[in-house]
N, C-alpha and C. Protein backbone atom coordinates (compact mmCIF):
# COMPACT_ATOMS: atom_id res chain seq x y z
N ASN A 1 -13.35 2.63 -20.98
CA ASN A 1 -14.39 3.60 -19.82
C ASN A 1 -14.39 2.75 -18.71
N ASN A 2 -14.22 1.25 -17.91
CA ASN A 2 -13.68 1.11 -17.09
C ASN A 2 -12.43 1.30 -16.28
N ILE A 3 -11.43 1.59 -16.89
CA ILE A 3 -10.22 1.91 -15.81
C ILE A 3 -10.32 3.77 -15.82
N TYR A 4 -11.47 4.74 -16.21
CA TYR A 4 -11.35 5.92 -15.81
C TYR A 4 -12.37 5.45 -14.87
N ILE A 5 -12.97 5.32 -14.19
CA ILE A 5 -13.61 4.71 -13.50
C ILE A 5 -13.47 4.08 -12.15
N GLN A 6 -12.87 3.03 -12.10
CA GLN A 6 -11.81 2.60 -11.33
C GLN A 6 -10.60 3.71 -11.10
N ALA A 7 -10.25 4.79 -11.88
CA ALA A 7 -9.04 5.50 -11.15
C ALA A 7 -9.55 6.72 -10.50
N ILE A 8 -10.56 7.34 -11.21
CA ILE A 8 -11.67 8.32 -10.28
C ILE A 8 -12.21 7.69 -9.18
N TYR A 9 -12.62 6.38 -8.55
CA TYR A 9 -12.96 5.97 -7.61
C TYR A 9 -11.64 5.54 -6.95
N ASN A 10 -10.01 4.94 -7.28
CA ASN A 10 -9.30 5.05 -6.71
C ASN A 10 -8.73 6.29 -6.15
N GLN A 11 -8.99 7.06 -6.44
CA GLN A 11 -8.83 8.64 -5.91
C GLN A 11 -9.37 9.01 -5.28
N TYR A 12 -11.22 8.93 -5.04
CA TYR A 12 -12.01 9.11 -3.91
C TYR A 12 -11.56 8.14 -2.99
N LEU A 13 -11.13 7.11 -3.65
CA LEU A 13 -10.54 6.33 -2.00
C LEU A 13 -9.43 6.39 -1.68
N GLY A 14 -7.98 7.08 -1.96
CA GLY A 14 -7.49 7.83 -1.52
C GLY A 14 -7.55 8.94 -0.52
N CYS A 15 -8.13 10.32 -0.69
CA CYS A 15 -8.82 11.18 -0.09
C CYS A 15 -10.16 10.63 0.67
N ARG A 16 -10.75 9.98 0.90
CA ARG A 16 -11.26 9.09 2.18
C ARG A 16 -9.89 8.75 3.42
N ASP A 17 -9.55 7.84 2.49
CA ASP A 17 -8.48 6.96 3.66
C ASP A 17 -7.37 8.21 4.26
N GLU A 18 -6.61 9.45 3.48
CA GLU A 18 -6.25 10.66 4.37
C GLU A 18 -6.62 10.89 5.24
N ALA A 19 -8.13 11.64 4.13
CA ALA A 19 -9.55 11.60 5.61
C ALA A 19 -9.28 11.74 7.05
N ARG A 20 -9.63 10.13 7.05
CA ARG A 20 -9.71 9.64 7.79
C ARG A 20 -8.54 9.19 8.44
N ALA A 21 -7.02 9.42 8.10
CA ALA A 21 -5.58 8.88 8.93
C ALA A 21 -5.30 10.59 9.48
N ASP A 22 -6.09 11.78 8.94
CA ASP A 22 -5.87 12.94 9.67
C ASP A 22 -6.82 13.19 10.70
N LEU A 23 -7.54 12.71 10.58
CA LEU A 23 -8.76 12.70 11.82
C LEU A 23 -8.37 11.22 12.65
N GLU A 24 -7.83 10.70 12.86
CA GLU A 24 -7.24 9.69 13.64
C GLU A 24 -5.91 10.37 14.25
N ASN A 25 -4.94 10.89 13.23
CA ASN A 25 -4.11 11.60 13.95
C ASN A 25 -4.35 12.84 14.72
N PHE A 26 -5.74 13.70 14.64
CA PHE A 26 -6.15 14.29 15.76
C PHE A 26 -6.37 14.20 16.66
N LEU A 27 -7.18 13.35 17.13
CA LEU A 27 -8.17 12.20 17.87
C LEU A 27 -6.87 11.32 18.61
N LEU A 28 -6.06 10.96 18.10
CA LEU A 28 -4.41 10.29 19.30
C LEU A 28 -3.57 11.33 19.37
N HIS A 29 -3.27 12.01 17.93
CA HIS A 29 -2.05 12.35 18.72
C HIS A 29 -2.20 14.01 19.31
N ARG A 30 -3.18 15.17 19.76
CA ARG A 30 -3.27 16.41 19.60
C ARG A 30 -2.37 17.27 20.27
N VAL A 31 -1.24 16.58 19.77
CA VAL A 31 0.35 18.30 20.62
C VAL A 31 0.28 17.73 19.01
N GLY A 32 0.34 16.98 18.02
CA GLY A 32 1.27 17.50 17.33
C GLY A 32 -0.35 17.75 15.63
N VAL A 33 -1.04 18.94 15.92
CA VAL A 33 -2.16 19.47 16.11
C VAL A 33 -1.72 21.29 16.91
N GLY A 34 -0.41 21.49 17.10
CA GLY A 34 -0.85 22.44 17.98
C GLY A 34 -0.80 23.63 16.77
N GLU A 35 -0.86 24.18 16.01
CA GLU A 35 -0.57 24.73 14.89
C GLU A 35 -2.68 25.03 14.51
N HIS A 36 -3.42 24.23 14.95
CA HIS A 36 -4.35 24.25 15.24
C HIS A 36 -5.84 24.78 16.14
N ALA A 37 -5.74 26.20 16.06
CA ALA A 37 -6.40 26.56 17.33
C ALA A 37 -7.20 25.35 17.59
N ASN A 38 -8.12 25.85 17.23
CA ASN A 38 -10.05 25.12 17.43
C ASN A 38 -9.91 23.69 16.98
N ILE A 39 -9.17 22.93 17.98
CA ILE A 39 -8.83 21.29 17.21
C ILE A 39 -10.56 20.73 16.99
N GLY A 40 -11.36 21.52 18.40
CA GLY A 40 -12.60 21.05 17.68
C GLY A 40 -13.14 20.84 15.90
N ALA A 41 -13.46 22.62 15.81
CA ALA A 41 -13.67 23.17 14.52
C ALA A 41 -13.09 21.48 13.39
N GLU A 42 -11.72 21.31 14.15
CA GLU A 42 -11.05 20.69 12.83
C GLU A 42 -11.45 19.33 12.88
N ILE A 43 -11.71 19.10 14.09
CA ILE A 43 -12.33 17.39 14.02
C ILE A 43 -13.93 17.28 13.22
N LYS A 44 -14.52 18.79 13.12
CA LYS A 44 -15.43 18.69 12.54
C LYS A 44 -15.39 18.52 11.21
N ARG A 45 -14.54 19.49 10.68
CA ARG A 45 -14.22 19.46 8.92
C ARG A 45 -13.48 17.98 8.31
N LYS A 46 -12.31 17.26 9.38
CA LYS A 46 -12.25 15.94 8.80
C LYS A 46 -13.58 14.81 8.89
N ILE A 47 -14.79 14.85 10.03
CA ILE A 47 -15.36 14.09 10.15
C ILE A 47 -16.47 14.24 9.14
N GLU A 48 -16.82 15.86 8.96
CA GLU A 48 -17.58 15.81 7.36
C GLU A 48 -16.49 15.68 5.93
N GLU A 49 -14.78 15.95 5.31
CA GLU A 49 -14.35 15.25 4.39
C GLU A 49 -15.01 13.97 4.67
N VAL A 50 -14.40 13.33 5.46
CA VAL A 50 -14.90 11.89 5.12
C VAL A 50 -16.16 11.07 4.94
N ALA A 51 -17.34 11.84 5.60
CA ALA A 51 -18.79 11.63 4.68
C ALA A 51 -19.39 11.78 3.70
N LYS A 52 -18.30 13.40 3.16
CA LYS A 52 -18.35 13.01 1.64
C LYS A 52 -17.30 11.92 0.81
N TYR A 53 -16.28 11.77 1.31
CA TYR A 53 -15.90 10.45 0.42
C TYR A 53 -16.47 9.56 0.50
N GLU A 54 -17.28 9.08 1.65
CA GLU A 54 -18.30 8.24 1.50
C GLU A 54 -18.77 8.18 1.20
N GLY A 55 -19.71 9.50 0.41
CA GLY A 55 -21.05 9.45 0.37
C GLY A 55 -20.93 9.81 -1.66
N VAL A 56 -19.92 9.46 -1.81
CA VAL A 56 -19.32 9.29 -3.35
C VAL A 56 -19.07 8.21 -3.76
N LEU A 57 -18.11 7.34 -3.31
CA LEU A 57 -17.65 5.77 -2.62
C LEU A 57 -19.37 4.90 -2.82
N SER A 58 -20.01 5.32 -2.29
CA SER A 58 -21.07 4.21 -2.03
C SER A 58 -22.13 5.42 -3.11
N THR A 59 -22.06 6.55 -3.73
CA THR A 59 -22.79 6.25 -5.04
C THR A 59 -21.90 5.73 -5.70
N MET A 60 -20.53 5.55 -6.08
CA MET A 60 -20.02 5.04 -7.72
C MET A 60 -20.47 3.50 -7.92
N ASN A 61 -20.16 2.97 -6.67
CA ASN A 61 -21.15 1.58 -6.13
C ASN A 61 -22.44 1.15 -6.41
N ASN A 62 -23.34 2.38 -6.16
CA ASN A 62 -24.47 1.92 -6.50
C ASN A 62 -24.79 2.67 -8.39
N LEU A 63 -24.26 3.16 -9.22
CA LEU A 63 -23.96 3.82 -10.28
C LEU A 63 -23.53 2.36 -10.97
N PHE A 64 -22.11 1.69 -10.67
CA PHE A 64 -21.38 1.23 -11.81
C PHE A 64 -21.59 -0.27 -11.13
N ALA A 65 -22.51 -0.73 -10.22
CA ALA A 65 -22.58 -2.16 -9.67
C ALA A 65 -22.79 -3.15 -10.00
N GLN A 66 -23.89 -3.03 -11.56
CA GLN A 66 -24.35 -3.03 -12.71
C GLN A 66 -23.06 -3.64 -13.79
N GLU A 67 -22.13 -3.81 -13.80
CA GLU A 67 -20.95 -3.67 -14.21
C GLU A 67 -19.60 -3.44 -13.33
N ALA A 68 -19.72 -4.88 -12.18
CA ALA A 68 -18.49 -4.93 -11.80
C ALA A 68 -18.01 -3.95 -11.06
N ALA A 69 -18.68 -3.70 -9.94
CA ALA A 69 -18.25 -2.43 -9.59
C ALA A 69 -16.80 -2.38 -9.56
N PRO A 70 -16.15 -1.07 -9.18
CA PRO A 70 -15.17 -0.79 -8.88
C PRO A 70 -14.35 -1.77 -7.64
N SER A 71 -13.36 -1.63 -6.87
CA SER A 71 -12.67 -2.48 -5.94
C SER A 71 -10.84 -1.42 -5.42
N PRO A 72 -10.82 -1.30 -4.72
CA PRO A 72 -9.38 -0.85 -4.52
C PRO A 72 -8.51 -1.15 -5.21
N GLN A 73 -7.74 -1.25 -5.99
CA GLN A 73 -6.12 -1.18 -6.03
C GLN A 73 -5.44 -0.80 -5.53
N PRO A 74 -4.27 -2.12 -5.70
CA PRO A 74 -3.24 -1.80 -3.97
C PRO A 74 -2.23 -1.91 -4.54
N THR A 75 -1.88 -0.62 -3.94
CA THR A 75 -0.57 0.05 -4.58
C THR A 75 0.99 -0.34 -4.25
N ASP A 76 1.69 0.72 -4.85
CA ASP A 76 3.30 0.32 -5.71
C ASP A 76 3.74 0.86 -3.64
N ASP A 77 3.36 0.99 -3.35
CA ASP A 77 4.02 1.45 -1.94
C ASP A 77 3.92 0.71 -0.60
N THR A 78 3.90 -0.11 -1.25
CA THR A 78 3.46 -1.06 0.43
C THR A 78 4.61 -1.53 0.42
N VAL A 79 5.05 -2.32 2.38
CA VAL A 79 6.30 -2.90 2.25
C VAL A 79 5.86 -4.08 2.45
């Protein structure tokens, strides 16, 4: 069962990191988001997405803290 919890945790962690990367890209490279007519709405949406995943990760840590909380696992795509 713990492997399922770890896998789910890693999925949410990846989603959170992807949303954070998108947000950073919107904030730093506005030229690259020309297809988004309302950049403010996109930034707001990404902040809300990050918050959602942070909440899920926090909840998982609280629920499973007594049995060694899940931790991020390294991926094979590291250089």
